[in-house]
Every structure is written in C-alpha cells, then in structure tokens.
C-alpha atoms as a PDB file:
ATOM      1  CA  MET A   1      11.058  12.554  -6.584  1.00  0.00           C
ATOM      2  CA  MET A   2       8.043  11.185  -4.726  1.00  0.00           C
ATOM      3  CA  ILE A   3       6.606   7.691  -5.179  1.00  0.00           C
ATOM      4  CA  MET A   4       3.059   6.477  -4.524  1.00  0.00           C
ATOM      5  CA  VAL A   5       2.878   2.966  -3.124  1.00  0.00           C
ATOM      6  CA  ARG A   6      -0.538   1.281  -3.232  1.00  0.00           C
ATOM      7  CA  ALA A   7      -0.829  -2.080  -1.525  1.00  0.00           C
ATOM      8  CA  ILE A   8      -3.896  -4.291  -1.757  1.00  0.00           C
ATOM      9  CA  VAL A   9      -3.795  -6.690   1.195  1.00  0.00           C
ATOM     10  CA  ARG A  10      -5.991  -9.112   3.097  1.00  0.00           C
ATOM     11  CA  PRO A  11      -8.206  -7.140   5.527  1.00  0.00           C
ATOM     12  CA  GLU A  12      -6.886  -9.145   8.486  1.00  0.00           C
ATOM     13  CA  LYS A  13      -3.315  -8.093   7.573  1.00  0.00           C
ATOM     14  CA  ALA A  14      -4.009  -4.352   7.182  1.00  0.00           C
ATOM     15  CA  ASP A  15      -3.372  -3.522  10.856  1.00  0.00           C
ATOM     16  CA  ASP A  16      -0.078  -5.459  10.767  1.00  0.00           C
ATOM     17  CA  VAL A  17       1.042  -3.474   7.716  1.00  0.00           C
ATOM     18  CA  LEU A  18      -0.023  -0.151   9.274  1.00  0.00           C
ATOM     19  CA  ALA A  19       1.860  -0.981  12.489  1.00  0.00           C
ATOM     20  CA  ALA A  20       5.001  -2.014  10.565  1.00  0.00           C
ATOM     21  CA  LEU A  21       4.961   1.202   8.531  1.00  0.00           C
ATOM     22  CA  MET A  22       4.421   3.292  11.678  1.00  0.00           C
ATOM     23  CA  ASP A  23       7.224   1.485  13.545  1.00  0.00           C
ATOM     24  CA  ASN A  24       9.572   2.172  10.631  1.00  0.00           C
ATOM     25  CA  GLY A  25       8.810   5.889  10.387  1.00  0.00           C
ATOM     26  CA  PHE A  26       6.093   5.959   7.710  1.00  0.00           C
ATOM     27  CA  PRO A  27       2.878   6.935   9.535  1.00  0.00           C
ATOM     28  CA  ALA A  28       1.142   8.688   6.606  1.00  0.00           C
ATOM     29  CA  VAL A  29      -1.187   6.125   5.030  1.00  0.00           C
ATOM     30  CA  THR A  30      -4.661   6.267   3.503  1.00  0.00           C
ATOM     31  CA  LYS A  31      -6.793   3.153   4.011  1.00  0.00           C
ATOM     32  CA  TYR A  32      -9.680   2.030   1.785  1.00  0.00           C
ATOM     33  CA  SER A  33     -12.005  -0.966   1.936  1.00  0.00           C
ATOM     34  CA  VAL A  34     -12.138  -2.435  -1.564  1.00  0.00           C
ATOM     35  CA  ALA A  35     -13.336  -5.599  -3.284  1.00  0.00           C
ATOM     36  CA  GLY A  36     -11.989  -7.398  -6.295  1.00  0.00           C
ATOM     37  CA  ARG A  37     -10.375 -10.504  -7.645  1.00  0.00           C
ATOM     38  CA  GLY A  38      -6.955 -11.477  -8.861  1.00  0.00           C
ATOM     39  CA  LYS A  39      -5.624 -14.407 -10.839  1.00  0.00           C
ATOM     40  CA  GLN A  40      -7.630 -16.818  -8.710  1.00  0.00           C
ATOM     41  CA  ARG A  41     -10.850 -15.321 -10.185  1.00  0.00           C
ATOM     42  CA  GLY A  42     -12.610 -15.280  -6.846  1.00  0.00           C
ATOM     43  CA  ILE A  43     -13.392 -18.255  -4.658  1.00  0.00           C
ATOM     44  CA  LYS A  44     -15.951 -21.050  -4.946  1.00  0.00           C
ATOM     45  CA  ILE A  45     -17.550 -22.403  -1.781  1.00  0.00           C
ATOM     46  CA  GLY A  46     -19.944 -25.227  -2.551  1.00  0.00           C
ATOM     47  CA  GLU A  47     -22.140 -24.112  -5.424  1.00  0.00           C
ATOM     48  CA  VAL A  48     -21.600 -20.392  -4.763  1.00  0.00           C
ATOM     49  CA  THR A  49     -18.835 -18.428  -6.489  1.00  0.00           C
ATOM     50  CA  TYR A  50     -17.679 -15.200  -4.873  1.00  0.00           C
ATOM     51  CA  ASP A  51     -15.962 -13.235  -7.619  1.00  0.00           C
ATOM     52  CA  GLU A  52     -15.358 -10.115  -5.547  1.00  0.00           C
ATOM     53  CA  ILE A  53     -13.336 -10.707  -2.423  1.00  0.00           C
ATOM     54  CA  PRO A  54     -12.981  -8.051   0.304  1.00  0.00           C
ATOM     55  CA  LYS A  55      -9.520  -6.495   0.471  1.00  0.00           C
ATOM     56  CA  THR A  56      -7.940  -3.391   1.987  1.00  0.00           C
ATOM     57  CA  MET A  57      -5.979  -0.852  -0.061  1.00  0.00           C
ATOM     58  CA  LEU A  58      -3.266   1.120   1.702  1.00  0.00           C
ATOM     59  CA  MET A  59      -1.822   4.134  -0.083  1.00  0.00           C
ATOM     60  CA  SER A  60       1.267   6.091   0.898  1.00  0.00           C
ATOM     61  CA  VAL A  61       3.482   8.661  -0.803  1.00  0.00           C
ATOM     62  CA  VAL A  62       7.168   8.450   0.094  1.00  0.00           C
ATOM     63  CA  ASN A  63      10.501   9.753  -1.144  1.00  0.00           C
ATOM     64  CA  ALA A  64      11.934   7.652  -3.976  1.00  0.00           C
ATOM     65  CA  ALA A  65      14.939   6.815  -1.789  1.00  0.00           C
ATOM     66  CA  ASP A  66      12.593   5.027   0.660  1.00  0.00           C
ATOM     67  CA  LYS A  67      10.673   3.039  -1.980  1.00  0.00           C
ATOM     68  CA  ASP A  68      12.442  -0.323  -1.619  1.00  0.00           C
ATOM     69  CA  PHE A  69      12.382  -0.192   2.184  1.00  0.00           C
ATOM     70  CA  VAL A  70       8.643   0.620   2.259  1.00  0.00           C
ATOM     71  CA  ILE A  71       7.849  -2.157  -0.242  1.00  0.00           C
ATOM     72  CA  THR A  72       9.844  -4.704   1.769  1.00  0.00           C
ATOM     73  CA  THR A  73       8.143  -3.575   4.979  1.00  0.00           C
ATOM     74  CA  ILE A  74       4.689  -4.012   3.422  1.00  0.00           C
ATOM     75  CA  MET A  75       5.547  -7.411   1.924  1.00  0.00           C
ATOM     76  CA  ASN A  76       6.907  -8.761   5.184  1.00  0.00           C
ATOM     77  CA  ALA A  77       3.874  -7.591   7.176  1.00  0.00           C
ATOM     78  CA  ALA A  78       1.233  -8.624   4.615  1.00  0.00           C
ATOM     79  CA  ARG A  79       2.566 -12.078   3.705  1.00  0.00           C
ATOM     80  CA  SER A  80       0.684 -15.095   5.078  1.00  0.00           C
ATOM     81  CA  GLY A  81       3.061 -17.473   6.843  1.00  0.00           C
ATOM     82  CA  THR A  82       6.681 -17.701   5.761  1.00  0.00           C
ATOM     83  CA  LYS A  83       6.082 -18.436   2.072  1.00  0.00           C
ATOM     84  CA  GLY A  84       2.911 -16.460   1.432  1.00  0.00           C
ATOM     85  CA  ALA A  85      -0.303 -17.630  -0.219  1.00  0.00           C
ATOM     86  CA  PHE A  86      -2.592 -16.814  -3.132  1.00  0.00           C
ATOM     87  CA  GLY A  87      -4.648 -13.761  -2.264  1.00  0.00           C
ATOM     88  CA  ASP A  88      -1.999 -12.057  -0.120  1.00  0.00           C
ATOM     89  CA  GLY A  89      -2.255  -9.046  -2.436  1.00  0.00           C
ATOM     90  CA  LYS A  90      -0.344  -6.796  -4.803  1.00  0.00           C
ATOM     91  CA  ILE A  91       1.772  -3.659  -4.543  1.00  0.00           C
ATOM     92  CA  PHE A  92       1.609  -0.970  -7.215  1.00  0.00           C
ATOM     93  CA  VAL A  93       4.238   1.766  -7.488  1.00  0.00           C
ATOM     94  CA  SER A  94       3.984   4.971  -9.512  1.00  0.00           C
ATOM     95  CA  GLU A  95       5.733   8.319  -9.700  1.00  0.00           C
ATOM     96  CA  VAL A  96       4.015  11.336  -8.188  1.00  0.00           C
ATOM     97  CA  GLU A  97       4.320  14.511 -10.218  1.00  0.00           C
ATOM     98  CA  ASP A  98       3.279  16.999  -7.525  1.00  0.00           C
ATOM     99  CA  VAL A  99       2.086  17.038  -3.917  1.00  0.00           C
ATOM    100  CA  TYR A 100       0.282  20.000  -2.357  1.00  0.00           C
ATOM    101  CA  THR A 101      -0.864  20.576   1.212  1.00  0.00           C
ATOM    102  CA  ILE A 102      -4.388  21.977   0.988  1.00  0.00           C
ATOM    103  CA  SER A 103      -4.329  24.031   4.212  1.00  0.00           C
ATOM    104  CA  SER A 104      -1.131  25.933   3.387  1.00  0.00           C
ATOM    105  CA  GLY A 105      -1.044  25.658  -0.389  1.00  0.00           C
ATOM    106  CA  VAL A 106       2.601  24.562  -0.136  1.00  0.00           C
ATOM    107  CA  ASN A 107       3.993  22.453  -2.969  1.00  0.00           C
ATOM    108  CA  ASP A 108       5.516  19.628  -0.907  1.00  0.00           C
ATOM    109  CA  THR A 109       7.258  18.185  -3.978  1.00  0.00           C
ATOM    110  CA  ALA A 110       9.326  21.342  -4.348  1.00  0.00           C
ATOM    111  CA  ALA A 111      10.130  21.346  -0.626  1.00  0.00           C
ATOM    112  CA  ALA A 112      11.294  17.711  -0.794  1.00  0.00           C
ATOM    113  CA  SER A 113      13.511  18.531  -3.796  1.00  0.00           C
ATOM    114  CA  GLU A 114      15.124  21.426  -1.913  1.00  0.00           C
ATOM    115  CA  GLU A 115      15.834  19.176   1.104  1.00  0.00           C
ATOM    116  CA  ALA A 116      17.496  16.578  -1.134  1.00  0.00           C
ATOM    117  CA  ALA A 117      19.775  19.183  -2.758  1.00  0.00           C
END
C-alpha cells in the first residue's frame, strides 16, 4: 500500500525538510506555496490582522512501511527549536489507491505490491 504524506510547514523550514527527506532516501517531493491559518486564526500586528499566513506544502507518496519514518523525519526538520511553536505546521496522511507513471503508463501501485510479495 502507498501513503500520501502532506506537510504544511513554515516557508523558512521547507528547505530543511527537503534536505532531511533527501538525506534519508526520500527525494520525491512536490512543493507548493500556500496560505492559510490554523488554530491561531492568523496573526495581529498592531491594528492589522493577517488571517492568511504564508506556508509551504510538501507532498510525497511513500510505501506504507516507511510512513512513520517519513513523518518523524519531517517533524524533526520542521519543528522550531527543541519544543516547537505555534505555526510550525501540520502533517496529513492518507492512503493512495493507485499511482501511474504518465510517460510509461505503468501502474506503480501494482509494481510496489509485487516487490513486497
């Protein structure tokens, strides 16, 4: 089974997360610039409230067996300081039903299942 891991992180931490994933053998990542707010409902500076804060979303599809390792790698690289801070981000995990390579038309999900067997 394949798992999609989506991590929303501080933009200044994105390169650290990408490097950590690469160093640990997970180079395949899609990177998006996004904006949003979490529990903190944005940030107020003086009289101005910024309710959409810039973030970076990193998306990767990995084998289910690697899920916990990838999540730990992302958390360690994305966390501010030793204890973390509000706004460090979130990680979302979901199952991937199928994966296809466009150029070859190969169903990569089936190939991964055959390798595991």
